[in-house]
Amino acid sequence: MNVVFHYAAGPVLAARMATLPGLRVTVCPEPDDAAFLAAMAEAEVLWHVLKPCSAAVIAAAPRLRLIQKIGVGVNTIDLAAAAARGIPVCNLPGTNSRAVAEMALLLMLAALRRLPLFDAGLRTGAWGADPAVQDRLGELGGRTVGLVGYGAVPRILAPVLAALGCRVLYAARTPKPDAVGEHRPLDALLAESDVVSLHVPLTADTERMIDAAAIARMKPGAVLVNTARGGLVDQAALAAALASFRLGAAGLDVFAQEPADPSDALFRLPNVVVAPHVAWLTTGTFDRSLSIAAENCRRLVAGEALLHRVQ
């Protein structure tokens, strides 16, 4: 079975994919559009990561039988175009949850302690902390952390935050009986939290849920962390709030436009910690993901029900 993996692969990952039984996996790094479209002409399965799988991509793949998201969010897949061709779409819930939870924690700590500022300064000979920065260095323990959403990632993250001495709040459609933390409506969570971390999918209902009005409801000096989707946040409003120190800091792994524009105002702010949508990216995530993705390929050949089918 011909599989196209639409992402870069290091030598260990590439070697592992080459040994998957019954699969011929072609690795196509996202920037190489020509190689990708050439490979899709023969592809039976697409292992999709982040670069949009558009109607044009689907139309260019006459043999395509399955779109397998390597991850959870399917907002980057043209689901209508897939449905029109009768191509099933599956995702991998839970496979990257631990990696994302750890990155969310990392961004919280790095934002509160201004780690990138100290890293860059020390590499150029600066020692110690500028007095102007000292008053903005904080600890996570003792703070109130609000988790927007309570799916697989917050279920891992919330107990860790509690163990660090944080008071945990969460916003979800309904209270969760087994949740670590106290349920709050979103507006109340924003008003009470020292750190707000986003963990919801991007939908019509959640797009720009953190806009200027939501930011105005947040505590002065609060920290925003986003490892979910960039479209959840009005980036211009966020940049303005950070520049004025209405918000204290932000830790961002995702952006409204990806790849992100390096001229974006956010990248010029000293109180922002950024990463290029890699919260999910660990060897553990790939171990879990490849196991299920390969199993779905086997099921496709055997005519069995697919795991985690979205449509």
Protein backbone atom coordinates (compact mmCIF):
# COMPACT_ATOMS: atom_id res chain seq x y z
CA MET A 1 0.00 0.00 0.00
CA ASN A 2 1.34 3.42 -0.99
CA VAL A 3 1.37 5.90 1.90
CA VAL A 4 2.48 9.52 1.76
CA PHE A 5 3.75 11.04 5.00
CA HIS A 6 3.42 14.80 4.52
CA TYR A 7 6.03 16.06 6.96
CA ALA A 8 9.77 15.95 7.40
CA ALA A 9 11.24 12.81 8.98
CA GLY A 10 14.52 12.42 10.80
CA PRO A 11 16.68 9.39 9.97
CA VAL A 12 15.38 7.24 12.84
CA LEU A 13 11.73 7.95 12.03
CA ALA A 14 12.30 7.41 8.31
CA ALA A 15 14.03 4.11 8.98
CA ARG A 16 11.16 2.97 11.18
CA MET A 17 8.55 3.84 8.56
CA ALA A 18 10.54 1.89 5.98
CA THR A 19 10.09 -1.29 8.05
CA LEU A 20 6.30 -1.07 8.52
CA PRO A 21 4.89 -4.30 7.08
CA GLY A 22 2.86 -3.99 3.91
CA LEU A 23 3.43 -0.24 3.55
CA ARG A 24 5.55 1.78 1.15
CA VAL A 25 5.87 5.14 2.88
CA THR A 26 7.02 8.15 0.89
CA VAL A 27 8.23 11.03 3.05
CA CYS A 28 7.38 14.47 1.60
CA PRO A 29 8.54 17.47 3.66
CA GLU A 30 5.85 20.16 3.69
CA PRO A 31 7.77 22.82 1.69
CA ASP A 32 8.27 20.52 -1.33
CA ASP A 33 4.95 20.95 -3.15
CA ALA A 34 6.15 19.39 -6.40
CA ALA A 35 7.33 16.16 -4.76
CA PHE A 36 4.15 15.98 -2.69
CA LEU A 37 1.79 16.30 -5.65
CA ALA A 38 3.84 13.76 -7.60
CA ALA A 39 3.63 11.29 -4.74
CA MET A 40 -0.10 11.89 -4.27
CA ALA A 41 -0.74 10.70 -7.84
CA GLU A 42 -0.04 7.15 -6.61
CA ALA A 43 -1.03 7.53 -2.94
CA GLU A 44 -3.65 5.27 -1.43
CA VAL A 45 -3.28 6.75 2.07
CA LEU A 46 -2.24 10.22 3.18
CA TRP A 47 -0.71 10.61 6.62
CA HIS A 48 -1.55 14.27 7.10
CA VAL A 49 0.12 16.44 9.72
CA LEU A 50 -0.32 20.22 9.43
CA LYS A 51 -0.11 21.67 5.92
CA PRO A 52 -3.71 21.93 4.64
CA CYS A 53 -5.13 18.99 2.75
CA SER A 54 -7.24 20.99 0.30
CA ALA A 55 -9.81 19.99 -2.28
CA ALA A 56 -7.08 20.43 -4.91
CA VAL A 57 -4.80 17.97 -3.10
CA ILE A 58 -7.61 15.43 -2.89
CA ALA A 59 -8.47 15.91 -6.56
CA ALA A 60 -4.84 15.26 -7.48
CA ALA A 61 -4.93 11.85 -5.75
CA PRO A 62 -7.15 9.54 -7.85
CA ARG A 63 -6.21 6.41 -5.87
CA LEU A 64 -6.65 7.96 -2.41
CA ARG A 65 -8.63 5.73 -0.02
CA LEU A 66 -7.88 7.19 3.43
CA ILE A 67 -6.79 10.47 4.98
CA GLN A 68 -5.18 9.72 8.33
CA LYS A 69 -4.53 12.74 10.53
CA ILE A 70 -1.34 12.35 12.55
CA GLY A 71 -2.75 14.24 15.51
CA VAL A 72 -6.23 15.29 16.52
CA GLY A 73 -7.50 18.49 14.86
CA VAL A 74 -8.96 18.00 11.39
CA ASN A 75 -9.56 21.69 10.66
CA THR A 76 -6.74 21.55 8.08
CA ILE A 77 -8.53 18.89 6.01
CA ASP A 78 -11.24 19.72 3.44
CA LEU A 79 -13.77 17.31 4.92
CA ALA A 80 -16.41 18.14 2.32
CA ALA A 81 -14.07 17.28 -0.54
CA ALA A 82 -13.14 14.01 1.16
CA ALA A 83 -16.79 13.14 1.74
CA ALA A 84 -17.64 13.88 -1.88
CA ARG A 85 -15.10 11.22 -2.90
CA GLY A 86 -16.18 8.81 -0.17
CA ILE A 87 -12.72 8.99 1.40
CA PRO A 88 -12.78 8.28 5.15
CA VAL A 89 -10.93 10.61 7.50
CA CYS A 90 -9.48 9.38 10.80
CA ASN A 91 -7.53 11.07 13.57
CA LEU A 92 -5.44 9.90 16.54
CA PRO A 93 -6.93 11.20 19.79
CA GLY A 94 -4.65 10.85 22.78
CA THR A 95 -1.45 9.98 20.94
CA ASN A 96 0.09 13.43 21.44
CA SER A 97 -1.67 14.42 24.66
CA ARG A 98 1.29 13.89 26.98
CA ALA A 99 3.65 15.78 24.69
CA VAL A 100 1.26 18.74 24.41
CA ALA A 101 0.58 18.78 28.15
CA GLU A 102 4.31 18.92 28.85
CA MET A 103 4.81 21.71 26.31
CA ALA A 104 1.98 23.73 27.86
CA LEU A 105 3.69 23.43 31.23
CA LEU A 106 7.03 24.35 29.67
CA LEU A 107 5.57 27.49 28.08
CA MET A 108 3.97 28.53 31.37
CA LEU A 109 7.28 28.26 33.21
CA ALA A 110 9.35 29.82 30.43
CA ALA A 111 6.95 32.76 30.12
CA LEU A 112 6.85 33.42 33.85
CA ARG A 113 10.64 33.18 34.21
CA ARG A 114 11.49 34.95 30.90
CA LEU A 115 13.73 32.05 29.91
CA PRO A 116 14.31 33.10 26.27
CA LEU A 117 15.44 36.55 27.44
CA PHE A 118 18.06 35.08 29.76
CA ASP A 119 19.15 32.48 27.20
CA ALA A 120 19.71 35.11 24.52
CA GLY A 121 21.41 37.51 26.93
CA LEU A 122 23.86 34.99 28.31
CA ARG A 123 24.92 33.98 24.79
CA THR A 124 25.97 37.59 24.18
CA GLY A 125 27.79 38.04 27.49
CA ALA A 126 25.05 39.43 29.73
CA TRP A 127 25.07 38.11 33.29
CA GLY A 128 22.29 38.37 35.85
CA ALA A 129 18.94 40.05 35.37
CA ASP A 130 18.14 43.57 34.27
CA PRO A 131 16.45 45.32 37.23
CA ALA A 132 13.59 46.26 34.89
CA VAL A 133 12.89 42.56 34.38
CA GLN A 134 13.14 41.49 38.02
CA ASP A 135 9.68 42.74 38.93
CA ARG A 136 8.12 40.60 36.21
CA LEU A 137 9.65 37.24 37.16
CA GLY A 138 7.14 34.90 38.77
CA GLU A 139 6.62 31.38 40.04
CA LEU A 140 3.89 29.02 38.92
CA GLY A 141 3.21 27.57 42.35
CA GLY A 142 0.53 29.45 44.23
CA ARG A 143 -1.08 30.84 41.09
CA THR A 144 -4.52 30.12 39.68
CA VAL A 145 -4.32 28.35 36.32
CA GLY A 146 -7.39 28.25 34.12
CA LEU A 147 -7.67 25.47 31.53
CA VAL A 148 -10.04 26.26 28.68
CA GLY A 149 -11.36 22.83 27.76
CA TYR A 150 -11.00 19.59 29.69
CA GLY A 151 -10.09 16.90 27.19
CA ALA A 152 -7.13 14.56 27.08
CA VAL A 153 -4.42 17.22 27.48
CA PRO A 154 -5.92 19.00 30.53
CA ARG A 155 -6.56 15.61 32.16
CA ILE A 156 -2.79 15.05 32.13
CA LEU A 157 -1.84 18.64 32.90
CA ALA A 158 -4.25 19.46 35.73
CA PRO A 159 -2.86 16.97 38.29
CA VAL A 160 0.68 18.17 37.55
CA LEU A 161 -0.34 21.78 38.13
CA ALA A 162 -2.07 20.83 41.36
CA ALA A 163 1.05 18.99 42.52
CA LEU A 164 3.07 22.16 41.86
CA GLY A 165 0.79 24.08 44.19
CA CYS A 166 -1.50 25.71 41.65
CA ARG A 167 -5.20 26.27 42.06
CA VAL A 168 -6.75 24.78 38.92
CA LEU A 169 -9.91 26.01 37.20
CA TYR A 170 -11.40 24.63 34.01
CA ALA A 171 -14.05 25.71 31.52
CA ALA A 172 -16.04 23.01 29.76
CA ARG A 173 -19.59 22.61 28.49
CA THR A 174 -20.48 20.61 31.61
CA PRO A 175 -18.67 19.92 34.90
CA LYS A 176 -16.53 16.77 34.89
CA PRO A 177 -17.09 14.61 38.01
CA ASP A 178 -13.51 13.31 37.95
CA ALA A 179 -11.81 16.60 37.06
CA VAL A 180 -8.87 17.99 39.01
CA GLY A 181 -9.97 21.58 39.49
CA GLU A 182 -13.07 23.72 39.80
CA HIS A 183 -15.52 24.26 36.97
CA ARG A 184 -16.11 27.83 35.82
CA PRO A 185 -17.88 29.52 32.90
CA LEU A 186 -15.30 30.97 30.52
CA ASP A 187 -15.83 34.59 31.57
CA ALA A 188 -15.34 33.72 35.24
CA LEU A 189 -12.27 31.63 34.47
CA LEU A 190 -10.68 34.51 32.56
CA ALA A 191 -11.35 36.91 35.43
CA GLU A 192 -9.93 34.61 38.13
CA SER A 193 -6.89 33.06 36.43
CA ASP A 194 -3.28 34.19 36.61
CA VAL A 195 -2.47 31.82 33.74
CA VAL A 196 -4.95 30.85 31.01
CA SER A 197 -4.14 27.82 28.84
CA LEU A 198 -6.19 26.93 25.75
CA HIS A 199 -7.15 23.32 25.00
CA VAL A 200 -10.13 23.36 22.63
CA PRO A 201 -10.47 22.62 18.90
CA LEU A 202 -10.83 25.37 16.33
CA THR A 203 -14.46 25.55 15.20
CA ALA A 204 -16.87 28.26 14.12
CA ASP A 205 -17.84 28.63 17.79
CA THR A 206 -14.29 28.90 19.15
CA GLU A 207 -12.63 31.00 16.44
CA ARG A 208 -11.11 34.12 18.06
CA MET A 209 -12.68 33.23 21.39
CA ILE A 210 -9.79 35.14 22.97
CA ASP A 211 -10.45 38.52 21.40
CA ALA A 212 -10.02 42.05 22.73
CA ALA A 213 -13.13 41.72 24.92
CA ALA A 214 -11.95 38.44 26.41
CA ILE A 215 -8.48 39.87 27.05
CA ALA A 216 -10.09 42.82 28.82
CA ARG A 217 -11.74 40.35 31.21
CA MET A 218 -8.42 38.75 32.10
CA LYS A 219 -6.46 39.77 35.19
CA PRO A 220 -3.87 42.50 34.67
CA GLY A 221 -0.50 40.82 34.19
CA ALA A 222 -2.02 37.42 33.37
CA VAL A 223 -0.22 34.91 31.12
CA LEU A 224 -1.83 33.31 28.06
CA VAL A 225 -0.62 29.93 26.78
CA ASN A 226 -1.81 28.41 23.51
CA THR A 227 -0.84 24.93 22.34
CA ALA A 228 -4.17 24.26 20.60
CA ARG A 229 -4.84 26.33 17.47
CA GLY A 230 -3.75 29.85 16.54
CA GLY A 231 -7.19 30.77 15.27
CA LEU A 232 -8.54 30.69 18.82
CA VAL A 233 -6.83 34.03 19.48
CA ASP A 234 -7.08 37.49 17.94
CA GLN A 235 -3.33 37.93 17.47
CA ALA A 236 -3.45 41.70 16.93
CA ALA A 237 -5.38 42.17 20.16
CA LEU A 238 -2.99 39.87 21.98
CA ALA A 239 0.08 41.72 20.69
CA ALA A 240 -1.38 45.05 21.79
CA ALA A 241 -2.14 43.73 25.28
CA LEU A 242 1.37 42.30 25.64
CA ALA A 243 3.07 45.44 24.34
CA SER A 244 1.27 47.54 26.95
CA PHE A 245 1.83 44.87 29.65
CA ARG A 246 -1.93 44.65 30.11
CA LEU A 247 -1.05 40.97 29.89
CA GLY A 248 2.20 39.92 31.49
CA ALA A 249 3.38 37.31 29.02
CA ALA A 250 2.35 34.68 26.50
CA GLY A 251 3.61 31.24 25.52
CA LEU A 252 2.57 30.33 21.97
CA ASP A 253 3.12 27.18 19.96
CA VAL A 254 0.44 27.95 17.35
CA PHE A 255 -0.47 30.93 15.18
CA ALA A 256 -3.32 32.16 13.03
CA GLN A 257 -1.11 31.90 9.97
CA GLU A 258 1.25 28.95 9.69
CA PRO A 259 4.09 29.06 8.90
CA ALA A 260 4.03 32.23 10.96
CA ASP A 261 5.10 35.53 9.44
CA PRO A 262 8.46 36.44 11.03
CA SER A 263 7.50 40.12 10.83
CA ASP A 264 4.49 39.56 13.13
CA ALA A 265 4.44 42.03 16.02
CA LEU A 266 4.40 39.17 18.52
CA PHE A 267 7.96 38.20 17.63
CA ARG A 268 9.28 41.63 18.58
CA LEU A 269 7.98 41.46 22.14
CA PRO A 270 10.29 40.40 24.99
CA ASN A 271 7.45 38.89 27.03
CA VAL A 272 6.49 36.26 24.43
CA VAL A 273 7.85 32.69 24.27
CA VAL A 274 7.27 30.99 20.92
CA ALA A 275 7.64 27.60 19.24
CA PRO A 276 6.77 26.56 15.65
CA HIS A 277 3.77 24.25 16.29
CA VAL A 278 5.87 21.46 17.74
CA ALA A 279 4.11 20.81 21.05
CA TRP A 280 3.03 17.43 19.70
CA LEU A 281 6.41 16.52 18.25
CA THR A 282 8.19 13.86 20.33
CA THR A 283 9.45 10.36 19.70
CA GLY A 284 6.72 9.14 22.05
CA THR A 285 4.04 10.76 19.92
CA PHE A 286 5.41 9.09 16.80
CA ASP A 287 5.60 5.70 18.52
CA ARG A 288 1.93 5.88 19.47
CA SER A 289 0.81 7.47 16.20
CA LEU A 290 2.54 5.08 13.79
CA SER A 291 1.13 2.09 15.61
CA ILE A 292 -2.47 3.23 15.10
CA ALA A 293 -1.91 4.71 11.62
CA ALA A 294 -0.40 1.43 10.40
CA GLU A 295 -3.25 -0.52 11.99
CA ASN A 296 -5.77 1.61 10.10
CA CYS A 297 -3.96 0.82 6.86
CA ARG A 298 -4.25 -2.88 7.67
CA ARG A 299 -7.94 -2.45 8.45
CA LEU A 300 -8.49 -0.56 5.20
CA VAL A 301 -7.08 -3.48 3.21
CA ALA A 302 -9.05 -6.01 5.25
CA GLY A 303 -12.32 -4.10 4.98
CA GLU A 304 -12.57 -3.73 8.76
CA ALA A 305 -13.90 -0.75 10.72
CA LEU A 306 -11.34 2.02 11.00
CA LEU A 307 -10.12 3.34 14.33
CA HIS A 308 -11.06 6.91 15.33
CA ARG A 309 -13.00 7.66 12.18
CA VAL A 310 -14.08 11.30 11.99
CA GLN A 311 -16.21 10.88 8.85
